[in-house]
PDB file of N, CA and C in Angstrom:
ATOM      1  N   MET A   1      95.107  91.253  99.063  1.00  0.00           N
ATOM      2  CA  MET A   1      93.824  91.514  99.319  1.00  0.00           C
ATOM      3  C   MET A   1      93.178  91.600  97.265  1.00  0.00           C
ATOM      4  N   ILE A   2      91.735  91.113  97.542  1.00  0.00           N
ATOM      5  CA  ILE A   2      90.897  90.791  96.190  1.00  0.00           C
ATOM      6  C   ILE A   2      90.457  91.797  96.150  1.00  0.00           C
ATOM      7  N   ILE A   3      89.461  92.830  95.730  1.00  0.00           N
ATOM      8  CA  ILE A   3      88.456  93.549  95.949  1.00  0.00           C
ATOM      9  C   ILE A   3      87.540  93.715  94.606  1.00  0.00           C
ATOM     10  N   PHE A   4      86.239  92.991  94.867  1.00  0.00           N
ATOM     11  CA  PHE A   4      85.527  92.783  94.217  1.00  0.00           C
ATOM     12  C   PHE A   4      84.086  93.450  94.284  1.00  0.00           C
ATOM     13  N   GLY A   5      83.145  93.626  93.844  1.00  0.00           N
ATOM     14  CA  GLY A   5      81.140  93.970  93.520  1.00  0.00           C
ATOM     15  C   GLY A   5      80.584  93.539  92.773  1.00  0.00           C
ATOM     16  N   ASN A   6      79.233  93.961  92.523  1.00  0.00           N
ATOM     17  CA  ASN A   6      78.370  93.365  91.625  1.00  0.00           C
ATOM     18  C   ASN A   6      77.013  94.890  92.618  1.00  0.00           C
ATOM     19  N   PRO A   7      77.208  95.356  91.427  1.00  0.00           N
ATOM     20  CA  PRO A   7      76.435  95.931  91.960  1.00  0.00           C
ATOM     21  C   PRO A   7      74.996  96.143  91.801  1.00  0.00           C
ATOM     22  N   GLN A   8      74.754  95.129  90.566  1.00  0.00           N
ATOM     23  CA  GLN A   8      73.411  94.583  91.171  1.00  0.00           C
ATOM     24  C   GLN A   8      72.697  94.017  91.984  1.00  0.00           C
ATOM     25  N   ALA A   9      74.007  93.707  92.730  1.00  0.00           N
ATOM     26  CA  ALA A   9      73.993  93.360  94.801  1.00  0.00           C
ATOM     27  C   ALA A   9      73.952  93.663  95.354  1.00  0.00           C
ATOM     28  N   GLY A  10      74.635  94.681  94.974  1.00  0.00           N
ATOM     29  CA  GLY A  10      75.130  94.958  96.211  1.00  0.00           C
ATOM     30  C   GLY A  10      74.443  96.730  96.717  1.00  0.00           C
ATOM     31  N   THR A  11      73.747  97.317  95.226  1.00  0.00           N
ATOM     32  CA  THR A  11      73.169  98.764  95.881  1.00  0.00           C
ATOM     33  C   THR A  11      71.746  97.828  96.292  1.00  0.00           C
ATOM     34  N   PRO A  12      71.383  97.337  96.348  1.00  0.00           N
ATOM     35  CA  PRO A  12      69.956  97.262  97.215  1.00  0.00           C
ATOM     36  C   PRO A  12      70.258  96.437  98.181  1.00  0.00           C
ATOM     37  N   LEU A  13      71.749  96.022  98.783  1.00  0.00           N
ATOM     38  CA  LEU A  13      71.852  96.252 100.044  1.00  0.00           C
ATOM     39  C   LEU A  13      72.008  97.375 100.873  1.00  0.00           C
ATOM     40  N   MET A  14      72.649  97.980 100.147  1.00  0.00           N
ATOM     41  CA  MET A  14      72.963  99.186 100.524  1.00  0.00           C
ATOM     42  C   MET A  14      71.743 100.570 100.580  1.00  0.00           C
ATOM     43  N   GLN A  15      71.021 100.096  99.859  1.00  0.00           N
ATOM     44  CA  GLN A  15      69.214 100.966  99.309  1.00  0.00           C
ATOM     45  C   GLN A  15      68.719 100.285 101.482  1.00  0.00           C
ATOM     46  N   ALA A  16      68.848  99.232 101.342  1.00  0.00           N
ATOM     47  CA  ALA A  16      68.098  98.908 102.699  1.00  0.00           C
ATOM     48  C   ALA A  16      69.161  98.962 103.497  1.00  0.00           C
ATOM     49  N   ARG A  17      70.136  99.322 103.983  1.00  0.00           N
ATOM     50  CA  ARG A  17      71.204  99.070 105.012  1.00  0.00           C
ATOM     51  C   ARG A  17      72.352 100.059 104.406  1.00  0.00           C
ATOM     52  N   PRO A  18      72.623 101.485 104.698  1.00  0.00           N
ATOM     53  CA  PRO A  18      73.181 102.078 103.633  1.00  0.00           C
ATOM     54  C   PRO A  18      74.344 101.741 104.763  1.00  0.00           C
ATOM     55  N   GLU A  19      74.504 101.935 105.783  1.00  0.00           N
ATOM     56  CA  GLU A  19      75.893 101.306 106.748  1.00  0.00           C
ATOM     57  C   GLU A  19      76.478 100.438 106.550  1.00  0.00           C
ATOM     58  N   ILE A  20      76.075  99.539 105.415  1.00  0.00           N
ATOM     59  CA  ILE A  20      76.895  98.216 104.843  1.00  0.00           C
ATOM     60  C   ILE A  20      78.015  98.626 104.399  1.00  0.00           C
ATOM     61  N   ALA A  21      77.452  99.786 103.426  1.00  0.00           N
ATOM     62  CA  ALA A  21      78.728 100.546 102.724  1.00  0.00           C
ATOM     63  C   ALA A  21      80.090 100.269 103.141  1.00  0.00           C
ATOM     64  N   ILE A  22      79.825 100.437 104.497  1.00  0.00           N
ATOM     65  CA  ILE A  22      81.385 100.479 105.040  1.00  0.00           C
ATOM     66  C   ILE A  22      82.278  99.290 104.777  1.00  0.00           C
ATOM     67  N   ASP A  23      81.172  98.092 103.975  1.00  0.00           N
ATOM     68  CA  ASP A  23      81.987  96.887 104.108  1.00  0.00           C
ATOM     69  C   ASP A  23      81.391  96.299 102.682  1.00  0.00           C
ATOM     70  N   LEU A  24      81.538  97.145 101.647  1.00  0.00           N
ATOM     71  CA  LEU A  24      81.135  97.080 100.325  1.00  0.00           C
ATOM     72  C   LEU A  24      82.240  97.519  99.592  1.00  0.00           C
ATOM     73  N   PRO A  25      82.991  97.166  98.653  1.00  0.00           N
ATOM     74  CA  PRO A  25      82.606  95.841  97.745  1.00  0.00           C
ATOM     75  C   PRO A  25      83.179  94.898  98.973  1.00  0.00           C
ATOM     76  N   MET A  26      83.111  93.660  98.619  1.00  0.00           N
ATOM     77  CA  MET A  26      83.755  92.366  99.326  1.00  0.00           C
ATOM     78  C   MET A  26      84.825  92.051  99.694  1.00  0.00           C
ATOM     79  N   ARG A  27      86.171  91.667  99.916  1.00  0.00           N
ATOM     80  CA  ARG A  27      87.540  91.655  99.944  1.00  0.00           C
ATOM     81  C   ARG A  27      87.337  90.485 100.401  1.00  0.00           C
ATOM     82  N   LEU A  28      88.662  89.797  99.601  1.00  0.00           N
ATOM     83  CA  LEU A  28      89.423  88.620 100.096  1.00  0.00           C
ATOM     84  C   LEU A  28      90.484  88.743 100.389  1.00  0.00           C
ATOM     85  N   MET A  29      91.143  88.421 101.655  1.00  0.00           N
ATOM     86  CA  MET A  29      92.713  89.034 101.648  1.00  0.00           C
ATOM     87  C   MET A  29      93.606  87.969 101.823  1.00  0.00           C
ATOM     88  N   VAL A  30      94.481  87.296 100.953  1.00  0.00           N
ATOM     89  CA  VAL A  30      94.975  86.437 100.871  1.00  0.00           C
ATOM     90  C   VAL A  30      96.654  86.860 100.952  1.00  0.00           C
ATOM     91  N   ARG A  31      96.860  85.794 102.134  1.00  0.00           N
ATOM     92  CA  ARG A  31      98.841  85.949 102.751  1.00  0.00           C
ATOM     93  C   ARG A  31      99.735  84.324 102.661  1.00  0.00           C
ATOM     94  N   ASP A  32     100.920  85.052 102.718  1.00  0.00           N
ATOM     95  CA  ASP A  32     101.625  83.857 103.661  1.00  0.00           C
ATOM     96  C   ASP A  32     101.997  83.749 105.204  1.00  0.00           C
ATOM     97  N   ASP A  33     101.505  82.463 105.416  1.00  0.00           N
ATOM     98  CA  ASP A  33     101.898  82.375 107.005  1.00  0.00           C
ATOM     99  C   ASP A  33     102.726  82.028 107.394  1.00  0.00           C
ATOM    100  N   GLY A  34     103.944  81.708 106.527  1.00  0.00           N
ATOM    101  CA  GLY A  34     104.779  81.132 106.849  1.00  0.00           C
ATOM    102  C   GLY A  34     104.385  79.392 106.471  1.00  0.00           C
ATOM    103  N   GLN A  35     103.760  78.925 106.399  1.00  0.00           N
ATOM    104  CA  GLN A  35     103.497  77.056 106.031  1.00  0.00           C
ATOM    105  C   GLN A  35     103.225  77.055 104.575  1.00  0.00           C
ATOM    106  N   PRO A  36     103.155  76.026 103.927  1.00  0.00           N
ATOM    107  CA  PRO A  36     102.546  75.688 103.053  1.00  0.00           C
ATOM    108  C   PRO A  36     101.723  75.912 102.299  1.00  0.00           C
ATOM    109  N   GLY A  37     100.890  76.849 101.031  1.00  0.00           N
ATOM    110  CA  GLY A  37      99.853  77.245 100.887  1.00  0.00           C
ATOM    111  C   GLY A  37     100.066  78.799 101.162  1.00  0.00           C
ATOM    112  N   SER A  38      99.162  79.400 100.738  1.00  0.00           N
ATOM    113  CA  SER A  38      98.427  80.728 101.793  1.00  0.00           C
ATOM    114  C   SER A  38      96.981  80.535 101.932  1.00  0.00           C
ATOM    115  N   LEU A  39      97.250  81.934 102.714  1.00  0.00           N
ATOM    116  CA  LEU A  39      96.156  81.357 104.149  1.00  0.00           C
ATOM    117  C   LEU A  39      94.890  82.786 103.293  1.00  0.00           C
ATOM    118  N   VAL A  40      93.664  82.744 102.921  1.00  0.00           N
ATOM    119  CA  VAL A  40      92.656  83.166 102.749  1.00  0.00           C
ATOM    120  C   VAL A  40      90.878  83.182 104.122  1.00  0.00           C
ATOM    121  N   THR A  41      91.099  84.762 104.124  1.00  0.00           N
ATOM    122  CA  THR A  41      90.158  85.163 105.100  1.00  0.00           C
ATOM    123  C   THR A  41      89.814  86.309 104.692  1.00  0.00           C
ATOM    124  N   TRP A  42      88.160  85.921 104.776  1.00  0.00           N
ATOM    125  CA  TRP A  42      86.970  87.259 104.432  1.00  0.00           C
ATOM    126  C   TRP A  42      85.940  87.600 106.015  1.00  0.00           C
ATOM    127  N   GLN A  43      84.987  88.228 105.576  1.00  0.00           N
ATOM    128  CA  GLN A  43      83.994  88.752 106.167  1.00  0.00           C
ATOM    129  C   GLN A  43      82.676  87.615 106.567  1.00  0.00           C
ATOM    130  N   ASP A  44      82.680  87.029 107.733  1.00  0.00           N
ATOM    131  CA  ASP A  44      81.915  85.824 108.176  1.00  0.00           C
ATOM    132  C   ASP A  44      80.565  86.448 107.526  1.00  0.00           C
ATOM    133  N   PRO A  45      80.011  85.606 106.739  1.00  0.00           N
ATOM    134  CA  PRO A  45      78.236  86.187 106.272  1.00  0.00           C
ATOM    135  C   PRO A  45      77.644  86.714 107.674  1.00  0.00           C
ATOM    136  N   ALA A  46      77.107  85.405 108.082  1.00  0.00           N
ATOM    137  CA  ALA A  46      76.750  85.531 109.298  1.00  0.00           C
ATOM    138  C   ALA A  46      76.764  86.509 110.035  1.00  0.00           C
ATOM    139  N   TYR A  47      77.724  86.917 110.489  1.00  0.00           N
ATOM    140  CA  TYR A  47      78.748  88.628 110.716  1.00  0.00           C
ATOM    141  C   TYR A  47      77.940  89.564 110.281  1.00  0.00           C
ATOM    142  N   LEU A  48      78.004  89.774 109.201  1.00  0.00           N
ATOM    143  CA  LEU A  48      77.576  90.776 108.358  1.00  0.00           C
ATOM    144  C   LEU A  48      76.004  91.075 108.852  1.00  0.00           C
ATOM    145  N   ALA A  49      75.485  89.955 108.687  1.00  0.00           N
ATOM    146  CA  ALA A  49      74.183  90.207 108.474  1.00  0.00           C
ATOM    147  C   ALA A  49      73.516  90.193 109.867  1.00  0.00           C
ATOM    148  N   GLN A  50      73.770  90.084 111.028  1.00  0.00           N
ATOM    149  CA  GLN A  50      73.438  90.395 112.673  1.00  0.00           C
ATOM    150  C   GLN A  50      74.380  91.574 112.816  1.00  0.00           C
ATOM    151  N   ARG A  51      75.055  92.001 112.221  1.00  0.00           N
ATOM    152  CA  ARG A  51      75.780  93.577 112.649  1.00  0.00           C
ATOM    153  C   ARG A  51      74.603  94.723 111.996  1.00  0.00           C
ATOM    154  N   TYR A  52      74.424  94.316 110.242  1.00  0.00           N
ATOM    155  CA  TYR A  52      73.449  95.173 109.913  1.00  0.00           C
ATOM    156  C   TYR A  52      72.454  94.970 109.975  1.00  0.00           C
ATOM    157  N   GLY A  53      71.557  93.444 110.031  1.00  0.00           N
ATOM    158  CA  GLY A  53      70.208  92.950 110.870  1.00  0.00           C
ATOM    159  C   GLY A  53      69.397  92.781 109.287  1.00  0.00           C
ATOM    160  N   LEU A  54      70.158  92.285 108.788  1.00  0.00           N
ATOM    161  CA  LEU A  54      70.203  91.364 107.359  1.00  0.00           C
ATOM    162  C   LEU A  54      68.635  90.234 107.237  1.00  0.00           C
ATOM    163  N   GLY A  55      68.009  90.304 106.375  1.00  0.00           N
ATOM    164  CA  GLY A  55      67.123  88.891 106.388  1.00  0.00           C
ATOM    165  C   GLY A  55      67.910  87.981 105.225  1.00  0.00           C
ATOM    166  N   GLU A  56      67.303  86.813 105.197  1.00  0.00           N
ATOM    167  CA  GLU A  56      67.751  85.188 105.434  1.00  0.00           C
ATOM    168  C   GLU A  56      67.854  86.095 103.807  1.00  0.00           C
ATOM    169  N   ASP A  57      66.817  86.389 102.781  1.00  0.00           N
ATOM    170  CA  ASP A  57      66.780  86.834 101.185  1.00  0.00           C
ATOM    171  C   ASP A  57      67.769  87.700 100.917  1.00  0.00           C
ATOM    172  N   GLN A  58      68.695  88.848 101.290  1.00  0.00           N
ATOM    173  CA  GLN A  58      69.840  89.204 101.179  1.00  0.00           C
ATOM    174  C   GLN A  58      71.147  89.570 101.300  1.00  0.00           C
ATOM    175  N   LEU A  59      71.230  87.901 101.739  1.00  0.00           N
ATOM    176  CA  LEU A  59      72.669  87.697 102.458  1.00  0.00           C
ATOM    177  C   LEU A  59      73.121  86.294 100.911  1.00  0.00           C
ATOM    178  N   ALA A  60      72.506  86.717  99.737  1.00  0.00           N
ATOM    179  CA  ALA A  60      72.954  85.339  98.666  1.00  0.00           C
ATOM    180  C   ALA A  60      74.132  86.336  98.489  1.00  0.00           C
ATOM    181  N   PRO A  61      74.279  87.115  98.615  1.00  0.00           N
ATOM    182  CA  PRO A  61      75.561  88.074  97.873  1.00  0.00           C
ATOM    183  C   PRO A  61      76.561  88.226  99.065  1.00  0.00           C
ATOM    184  N   LEU A  62      76.503  87.882  99.674  1.00  0.00           N
ATOM    185  CA  LEU A  62      77.408  87.656 101.230  1.00  0.00           C
ATOM    186  C   LEU A  62      78.206  86.681 100.859  1.00  0.00           C
ATOM    187  N   HIS A  63      77.845  85.528  99.889  1.00  0.00           N
ATOM    188  CA  HIS A  63      78.678  84.110 100.127  1.00  0.00           C
ATOM    189  C   HIS A  63      79.534  84.165  99.249  1.00  0.00           C
ATOM    190  N   ALA A  64      79.678  85.588  98.520  1.00  0.00           N
ATOM    191  CA  ALA A  64      80.855  85.795  97.210  1.00  0.00           C
ATOM    192  C   ALA A  64      81.980  85.267  97.656  1.00  0.00           C
ATOM    193  N   PRO A  65      82.904  85.916  98.993  1.00  0.00           N
ATOM    194  CA  PRO A  65      83.822  85.439  98.837  1.00  0.00           C
ATOM    195  C   PRO A  65      84.205  83.891  99.225  1.00  0.00           C
ATOM    196  N   ALA A  66      83.597  83.633 100.020  1.00  0.00           N
ATOM    197  CA  ALA A  66      83.247  81.997 100.165  1.00  0.00           C
ATOM    198  C   ALA A  66      83.424  80.693  98.624  1.00  0.00           C
ATOM    199  N   THR A  67      82.254  81.763  98.660  1.00  0.00           N
ATOM    200  CA  THR A  67      82.685  80.923  96.976  1.00  0.00           C
ATOM    201  C   THR A  67      84.103  80.549  95.838  1.00  0.00           C
ATOM    202  N   ILE A  68      84.399  81.814  96.316  1.00  0.00           N
ATOM    203  CA  ILE A  68      85.159  82.146  95.037  1.00  0.00           C
ATOM    204  C   ILE A  68      86.484  81.590  96.072  1.00  0.00           C
ATOM    205  N   ALA A  69      86.611  81.938  97.217  1.00  0.00           N
ATOM    206  CA  ALA A  69      87.620  80.872  97.812  1.00  0.00           C
ATOM    207  C   ALA A  69      87.634  79.071  98.078  1.00  0.00           C
ATOM    208  N   ALA A  70      86.572  78.912  97.502  1.00  0.00           N
ATOM    209  CA  ALA A  70      86.298  77.027  97.786  1.00  0.00           C
ATOM    210  C   ALA A  70      86.844  76.986  96.383  1.00  0.00           C
ATOM    211  N   ALA A  71      86.726  77.701  94.898  1.00  0.00           N
ATOM    212  CA  ALA A  71      86.921  77.484  93.399  1.00  0.00           C
ATOM    213  C   ALA A  71      88.305  77.325  93.870  1.00  0.00           C
ATOM    214  N   VAL A  72      89.214  78.449  93.972  1.00  0.00           N
ATOM    215  CA  VAL A  72      90.685  78.418  94.401  1.00  0.00           C
ATOM    216  C   VAL A  72      91.235  77.164  95.210  1.00  0.00           C
ATOM    217  N   GLU A  73      90.512  76.927  95.857  1.00  0.00           N
ATOM    218  CA  GLU A  73      90.903  75.736  96.182  1.00  0.00           C
ATOM    219  C   GLU A  73      90.379  74.853  96.176  1.00  0.00           C
ATOM    220  N   GLY A  74      89.915  74.863  95.220  1.00  0.00           N
ATOM    221  CA  GLY A  74      88.944  72.669  94.103  1.00  0.00           C
ATOM    222  C   GLY A  74      88.515  72.337  94.879  1.00  0.00           C
ATOM    223  N   ARG A  75      87.729  73.462  95.831  1.00  0.00           N
ATOM    224  CA  ARG A  75      86.611  71.728  96.765  1.00  0.00           C
ATOM    225  C   ARG A  75      85.286  72.631  95.832  1.00  0.00           C
TER     226      ARG A  75
END
């Protein structure tokens, strides 16, 4: 489990929707699934946006896990 956050990004989200704190800080789960390589999973930003009623302008910080996973995979 890789846990990371940015108070400058997360604090405004928690001020707007306090219940989102249950899903912050962001997390990536990296595990061995018995196949070559590793399996990387994280919460879908669209799910979190729907769950907490976030607007498009609030979504940028929620894309961090996908950005990190893509960088690790070399995409």
